[in-house]
């Protein structure tokens, strides 16, 4: 079990490096074709990778599914559901799938490359 988790982390880091390298190459091409500087393009690509990674790792639980099935506006029911969700801390969870972590790692690596 431990080797499986270590291999997943290693694969995520390796894939994140590949994503960052691809963003680096794409930034070089875009900076040659357009008038934008390499640092600006690479920074925006890093923001995009980091944003997509973080936003895709956020998941909802049964709260929103139950609110969608109401069909009408029942404010007391919605209020009770929100209060129960707050009490149980089940509104938002972070999912650590490999593709999400790869994109987050690639975004962070892009920022680190720009800093150093």
N, C-alpha and C. Protein backbone atom coordinates (compact mmCIF):
# COMPACT_ATOMS: atom_id res chain seq x y z
N UNK A 1 0.82 -1.19 0.00
CA UNK A 1 0.00 0.00 0.00
C UNK A 1 0.86 1.25 0.00
N UNK A 2 1.94 1.22 0.81
CA UNK A 2 2.82 2.38 0.89
C UNK A 2 3.54 2.60 -0.44
N UNK A 3 3.98 1.53 -1.08
CA UNK A 3 4.66 1.66 -2.36
C UNK A 3 3.72 2.20 -3.43
N UNK A 4 2.44 1.86 -3.34
CA UNK A 4 1.46 2.35 -4.29
C UNK A 4 1.30 3.87 -4.15
N UNK A 5 1.23 4.37 -2.92
CA UNK A 5 1.11 5.81 -2.70
C UNK A 5 2.37 6.54 -3.12
N UNK A 6 3.53 5.95 -2.85
CA UNK A 6 4.79 6.57 -3.25
C UNK A 6 4.90 6.62 -4.76
N UNK A 7 4.48 5.58 -5.43
CA UNK A 7 4.55 5.58 -6.89
C UNK A 7 3.56 6.58 -7.49
N UNK A 8 2.39 6.76 -6.86
CA UNK A 8 1.44 7.76 -7.34
C UNK A 8 2.01 9.16 -7.19
N UNK A 9 2.65 9.44 -6.05
CA UNK A 9 3.25 10.75 -5.83
C UNK A 9 4.39 10.97 -6.82
N UNK A 10 5.21 9.97 -7.01
CA UNK A 10 6.32 10.08 -7.95
C UNK A 10 5.81 10.31 -9.37
N UNK A 11 4.78 9.58 -9.78
CA UNK A 11 4.20 9.76 -11.11
C UNK A 11 3.58 11.14 -11.26
N UNK A 12 2.95 11.65 -10.20
CA UNK A 12 2.37 13.00 -10.26
C UNK A 12 3.45 14.05 -10.41
N UNK A 13 4.53 13.90 -9.68
CA UNK A 13 5.64 14.86 -9.79
C UNK A 13 6.26 14.80 -11.17
N UNK A 14 6.48 13.60 -11.67
CA UNK A 14 7.07 13.45 -12.99
C UNK A 14 6.15 14.01 -14.08
N UNK A 15 4.87 13.75 -13.97
CA UNK A 15 3.92 14.29 -14.94
C UNK A 15 3.80 15.80 -14.82
N UNK A 16 3.89 16.32 -13.60
CA UNK A 16 3.89 17.77 -13.40
C UNK A 16 5.08 18.43 -14.07
N UNK A 17 6.24 17.78 -14.00
CA UNK A 17 7.43 18.30 -14.68
C UNK A 17 7.22 18.30 -16.19
N UNK A 18 6.60 17.25 -16.70
CA UNK A 18 6.33 17.18 -18.15
C UNK A 18 5.35 18.29 -18.55
N UNK A 19 4.29 18.52 -17.75
CA UNK A 19 3.35 19.60 -18.04
C UNK A 19 4.06 20.96 -18.02
N UNK A 20 4.93 21.17 -17.03
CA UNK A 20 5.66 22.44 -16.94
C UNK A 20 6.60 22.61 -18.13
N UNK A 21 7.23 21.53 -18.56
CA UNK A 21 8.11 21.60 -19.72
C UNK A 21 7.31 21.92 -20.99
N UNK A 22 6.14 21.30 -21.11
CA UNK A 22 5.27 21.61 -22.25
C UNK A 22 4.82 23.06 -22.23
N UNK A 23 4.51 23.58 -21.05
CA UNK A 23 4.14 24.99 -20.93
C UNK A 23 5.32 25.89 -21.27
N UNK A 24 6.52 25.47 -20.90
CA UNK A 24 7.73 26.22 -21.21
C UNK A 24 7.93 26.31 -22.72
N UNK A 25 7.80 25.19 -23.41
CA UNK A 25 7.95 25.16 -24.87
C UNK A 25 6.86 26.00 -25.54
N UNK A 26 5.63 25.87 -25.06
CA UNK A 26 4.52 26.65 -25.61
C UNK A 26 4.74 28.15 -25.39
N UNK A 27 5.27 28.51 -24.23
CA UNK A 27 5.56 29.92 -23.95
C UNK A 27 6.65 30.45 -24.88
N UNK A 28 7.63 29.62 -25.17
CA UNK A 28 8.68 30.04 -26.11
C UNK A 28 8.09 30.29 -27.49
N UNK A 29 7.22 29.41 -27.94
CA UNK A 29 6.62 29.55 -29.27
C UNK A 29 5.73 30.79 -29.31
N UNK A 30 4.90 30.97 -28.29
CA UNK A 30 4.00 32.13 -28.27
C UNK A 30 4.78 33.43 -28.20
N UNK A 31 5.86 33.45 -27.43
CA UNK A 31 6.64 34.69 -27.32
C UNK A 31 7.37 35.02 -28.61
N UNK A 32 7.71 34.01 -29.41
CA UNK A 32 8.36 34.26 -30.70
C UNK A 32 7.36 34.75 -31.74
N UNK A 33 6.14 34.24 -31.68
CA UNK A 33 5.13 34.57 -32.68
C UNK A 33 4.47 35.92 -32.38
N UNK A 34 4.26 36.22 -31.10
CA UNK A 34 3.58 37.46 -30.72
C UNK A 34 4.58 38.45 -30.14
N UNK A 35 4.07 39.57 -29.70
CA UNK A 35 4.92 40.61 -29.11
C UNK A 35 5.03 40.48 -27.59
N UNK A 36 4.39 39.49 -27.02
CA UNK A 36 4.44 39.31 -25.57
C UNK A 36 5.79 38.72 -25.15
N UNK A 37 6.25 39.11 -23.97
CA UNK A 37 7.52 38.58 -23.48
C UNK A 37 7.34 37.16 -22.96
N UNK A 38 8.43 36.44 -22.91
CA UNK A 38 8.40 35.05 -22.45
C UNK A 38 7.91 34.96 -21.01
N UNK A 39 8.40 35.85 -20.15
CA UNK A 39 8.01 35.81 -18.73
C UNK A 39 6.51 36.02 -18.55
N UNK A 40 5.95 36.94 -19.31
CA UNK A 40 4.51 37.19 -19.20
C UNK A 40 3.70 35.98 -19.64
N UNK A 41 4.07 35.40 -20.76
CA UNK A 41 3.34 34.24 -21.28
C UNK A 41 3.47 33.05 -20.33
N UNK A 42 4.67 32.82 -19.84
CA UNK A 42 4.88 31.67 -18.96
C UNK A 42 4.17 31.87 -17.62
N UNK A 43 4.11 33.11 -17.14
CA UNK A 43 3.38 33.40 -15.91
C UNK A 43 1.89 33.12 -16.09
N UNK A 44 1.32 33.56 -17.18
CA UNK A 44 -0.10 33.33 -17.43
C UNK A 44 -0.38 31.84 -17.59
N UNK A 45 0.50 31.13 -18.26
CA UNK A 45 0.32 29.67 -18.38
C UNK A 45 0.39 28.99 -17.02
N UNK A 46 1.29 29.45 -16.16
CA UNK A 46 1.37 28.90 -14.81
C UNK A 46 0.11 29.15 -14.02
N UNK A 47 -0.44 30.37 -14.16
CA UNK A 47 -1.71 30.68 -13.50
C UNK A 47 -2.84 29.78 -14.01
N UNK A 48 -2.87 29.58 -15.31
CA UNK A 48 -3.92 28.74 -15.90
C UNK A 48 -3.79 27.29 -15.40
N UNK A 49 -2.58 26.76 -15.40
CA UNK A 49 -2.38 25.39 -14.93
C UNK A 49 -2.75 25.25 -13.46
N UNK A 50 -2.32 26.20 -12.65
CA UNK A 50 -2.62 26.15 -11.23
C UNK A 50 -4.12 26.30 -10.99
N UNK A 51 -4.75 27.23 -11.68
CA UNK A 51 -6.19 27.44 -11.52
C UNK A 51 -7.00 26.24 -11.93
N UNK A 52 -6.67 25.65 -13.07
CA UNK A 52 -7.40 24.46 -13.51
C UNK A 52 -7.20 23.31 -12.54
N UNK A 53 -5.98 23.14 -12.05
CA UNK A 53 -5.71 22.07 -11.10
C UNK A 53 -6.47 22.22 -9.80
N UNK A 54 -6.48 23.44 -9.25
CA UNK A 54 -7.18 23.66 -7.98
C UNK A 54 -8.69 23.57 -8.17
N UNK A 55 -9.20 24.20 -9.21
CA UNK A 55 -10.64 24.20 -9.41
C UNK A 55 -11.18 22.81 -9.77
N UNK A 56 -10.39 22.01 -10.45
CA UNK A 56 -10.87 20.68 -10.79
C UNK A 56 -10.77 19.72 -9.61
N UNK A 57 -10.00 20.07 -8.59
CA UNK A 57 -9.91 19.19 -7.44
C UNK A 57 -10.99 19.46 -6.41
N UNK A 58 -11.73 20.55 -6.56
CA UNK A 58 -12.82 20.85 -5.63
C UNK A 58 -14.04 20.04 -6.05
N UNK A 59 -14.60 19.34 -5.11
CA UNK A 59 -15.79 18.54 -5.42
C UNK A 59 -16.87 18.82 -4.40
N UNK A 60 -18.08 18.53 -4.79
CA UNK A 60 -19.21 18.73 -3.89
C UNK A 60 -19.71 17.38 -3.43
N UNK A 61 -20.37 17.42 -2.31
CA UNK A 61 -20.96 16.18 -1.83
C UNK A 61 -22.46 16.25 -2.02
N UNK A 62 -23.19 15.57 -1.20
CA UNK A 62 -24.62 15.43 -1.42
C UNK A 62 -25.43 16.69 -1.18
N UNK A 63 -24.83 17.77 -0.69
CA UNK A 63 -25.59 18.97 -0.41
C UNK A 63 -26.21 19.55 -1.68
N UNK A 64 -25.39 19.79 -2.68
CA UNK A 64 -25.92 20.42 -3.89
C UNK A 64 -26.84 19.48 -4.66
N UNK A 65 -26.57 18.19 -4.58
CA UNK A 65 -27.48 17.26 -5.24
C UNK A 65 -28.85 17.28 -4.62
N UNK A 66 -28.91 17.41 -3.29
CA UNK A 66 -30.22 17.46 -2.66
C UNK A 66 -30.91 18.79 -2.92
N UNK A 67 -30.15 19.87 -3.08
CA UNK A 67 -30.76 21.16 -3.35
C UNK A 67 -31.27 21.24 -4.78
N UNK A 68 -30.64 20.52 -5.69
CA UNK A 68 -31.10 20.54 -7.08
C UNK A 68 -32.42 19.80 -7.25
N UNK A 69 -32.65 18.80 -6.45
CA UNK A 69 -33.84 17.98 -6.61
C UNK A 69 -35.08 18.53 -5.95
N UNK A 70 -34.99 19.72 -5.43
CA UNK A 70 -36.14 20.28 -4.73
C UNK A 70 -37.28 20.56 -5.69
N UNK A 71 -37.00 21.20 -6.80
CA UNK A 71 -38.03 21.51 -7.77
C UNK A 71 -38.70 22.84 -7.50
N UNK A 72 -38.78 23.24 -6.30
CA UNK A 72 -39.37 24.53 -5.92
C UNK A 72 -38.50 25.15 -4.86
N UNK A 73 -38.83 26.34 -4.48
CA UNK A 73 -38.05 27.03 -3.47
C UNK A 73 -38.67 26.81 -2.10
N UNK A 74 -38.03 26.00 -1.32
CA UNK A 74 -38.45 25.77 0.06
C UNK A 74 -37.31 26.28 0.93
N UNK A 75 -37.42 27.51 1.38
CA UNK A 75 -36.31 28.17 2.07
C UNK A 75 -35.98 27.52 3.40
N UNK A 76 -36.96 27.01 4.10
CA UNK A 76 -36.69 26.36 5.37
C UNK A 76 -35.89 25.08 5.15
N UNK A 77 -36.24 24.32 4.12
CA UNK A 77 -35.50 23.09 3.82
C UNK A 77 -34.07 23.41 3.44
N UNK A 78 -33.87 24.44 2.60
CA UNK A 78 -32.52 24.83 2.19
C UNK A 78 -31.72 25.30 3.40
N UNK A 79 -32.33 26.07 4.26
CA UNK A 79 -31.66 26.55 5.46
C UNK A 79 -31.24 25.39 6.36
N UNK A 80 -32.13 24.43 6.53
CA UNK A 80 -31.80 23.25 7.35
C UNK A 80 -30.67 22.44 6.73
N UNK A 81 -30.71 22.26 5.42
CA UNK A 81 -29.64 21.52 4.74
C UNK A 81 -28.30 22.22 4.87
N UNK A 82 -28.28 23.53 4.70
CA UNK A 82 -27.03 24.28 4.83
C UNK A 82 -26.50 24.21 6.25
N UNK A 83 -27.38 24.30 7.23
CA UNK A 83 -26.95 24.22 8.62
C UNK A 83 -26.39 22.84 8.93
N UNK A 84 -27.03 21.79 8.44
CA UNK A 84 -26.53 20.43 8.64
C UNK A 84 -25.18 20.24 7.96
N UNK A 85 -25.02 20.81 6.77
CA UNK A 85 -23.76 20.68 6.05
C UNK A 85 -22.64 21.41 6.78
N UNK A 86 -22.97 22.58 7.34
CA UNK A 86 -21.95 23.32 8.10
C UNK A 86 -21.56 22.56 9.36
N UNK A 87 -22.53 21.97 10.02
CA UNK A 87 -22.24 21.23 11.24
C UNK A 87 -21.41 19.99 10.97
N UNK A 88 -21.61 19.36 9.84
CA UNK A 88 -20.89 18.13 9.51
C UNK A 88 -19.64 18.39 8.67
N UNK A 89 -19.40 19.64 8.29
CA UNK A 89 -18.24 20.00 7.46
C UNK A 89 -18.16 19.17 6.19
N UNK A 90 -19.25 19.12 5.46
CA UNK A 90 -19.29 18.28 4.26
C UNK A 90 -19.60 19.07 3.00
N UNK A 91 -19.43 20.38 3.02
CA UNK A 91 -19.80 21.17 1.85
C UNK A 91 -18.79 20.98 0.73
N UNK A 92 -17.52 21.23 1.00
CA UNK A 92 -16.51 21.17 -0.05
C UNK A 92 -15.38 20.24 0.40
N UNK A 93 -14.98 19.36 -0.49
CA UNK A 93 -13.83 18.51 -0.22
C UNK A 93 -12.83 18.67 -1.36
N UNK A 94 -11.58 18.41 -1.06
CA UNK A 94 -10.54 18.47 -2.09
C UNK A 94 -10.21 17.06 -2.53
N UNK A 95 -10.26 16.86 -3.81
CA UNK A 95 -9.98 15.56 -4.39
C UNK A 95 -8.55 15.56 -4.89
N UNK A 96 -7.77 14.59 -4.52
CA UNK A 96 -6.37 14.56 -4.91
C UNK A 96 -6.14 13.51 -5.99
N UNK A 97 -6.89 13.58 -7.06
CA UNK A 97 -6.66 12.71 -8.20
C UNK A 97 -5.32 13.07 -8.82
N UNK A 98 -4.77 12.19 -9.59
CA UNK A 98 -3.43 12.42 -10.13
C UNK A 98 -3.38 13.57 -11.12
N UNK A 99 -4.38 13.72 -11.99
CA UNK A 99 -4.34 14.79 -12.98
C UNK A 99 -4.45 16.15 -12.31
N UNK A 100 -5.22 16.24 -11.23
CA UNK A 100 -5.33 17.50 -10.51
C UNK A 100 -3.99 17.88 -9.88
N UNK A 101 -3.35 16.92 -9.26
CA UNK A 101 -2.07 17.19 -8.62
C UNK A 101 -1.00 17.49 -9.66
N UNK A 102 -1.06 16.85 -10.81
CA UNK A 102 -0.10 17.12 -11.87
C UNK A 102 -0.20 18.57 -12.33
N UNK A 103 -1.41 19.06 -12.51
CA UNK A 103 -1.59 20.44 -12.96
C UNK A 103 -1.17 21.43 -11.88
N UNK A 104 -1.46 21.12 -10.63
CA UNK A 104 -1.03 22.00 -9.54
C UNK A 104 0.49 22.04 -9.46
N UNK A 105 1.13 20.89 -9.55
CA UNK A 105 2.59 20.82 -9.52
C UNK A 105 3.18 21.57 -10.70
N UNK A 106 2.59 21.43 -11.87
CA UNK A 106 3.09 22.14 -13.06
C UNK A 106 2.96 23.64 -12.89
N UNK A 107 1.86 24.11 -12.32
CA UNK A 107 1.69 25.54 -12.08
C UNK A 107 2.70 26.08 -11.09
N UNK A 108 2.94 25.33 -10.02
CA UNK A 108 3.92 25.76 -9.02
C UNK A 108 5.33 25.74 -9.62
N UNK A 109 5.64 24.72 -10.42
CA UNK A 109 6.94 24.66 -11.07
C UNK A 109 7.14 25.82 -12.04
N UNK A 110 6.08 26.22 -12.72
CA UNK A 110 6.18 27.35 -13.62
C UNK A 110 6.54 28.62 -12.87
N UNK A 111 5.93 28.80 -11.71
CA UNK A 111 6.24 29.98 -10.90
C UNK A 111 7.68 29.89 -10.36
N UNK A 112 8.11 28.70 -9.96
CA UNK A 112 9.47 28.55 -9.46
C UNK A 112 10.50 28.79 -10.53
N UNK A 113 10.22 28.38 -11.75
CA UNK A 113 11.15 28.63 -12.87
C UNK A 113 11.26 30.14 -13.12
N UNK A 114 10.15 30.84 -13.02
CA UNK A 114 10.19 32.30 -13.24
C UNK A 114 10.95 33.01 -12.13
N UNK A 115 10.84 32.52 -10.90
CA UNK A 115 11.51 33.17 -9.78
C UNK A 115 13.02 32.97 -9.87
N UNK A 116 13.45 31.77 -10.22
CA UNK A 116 14.89 31.50 -10.26
C UNK A 116 15.39 31.55 -11.62
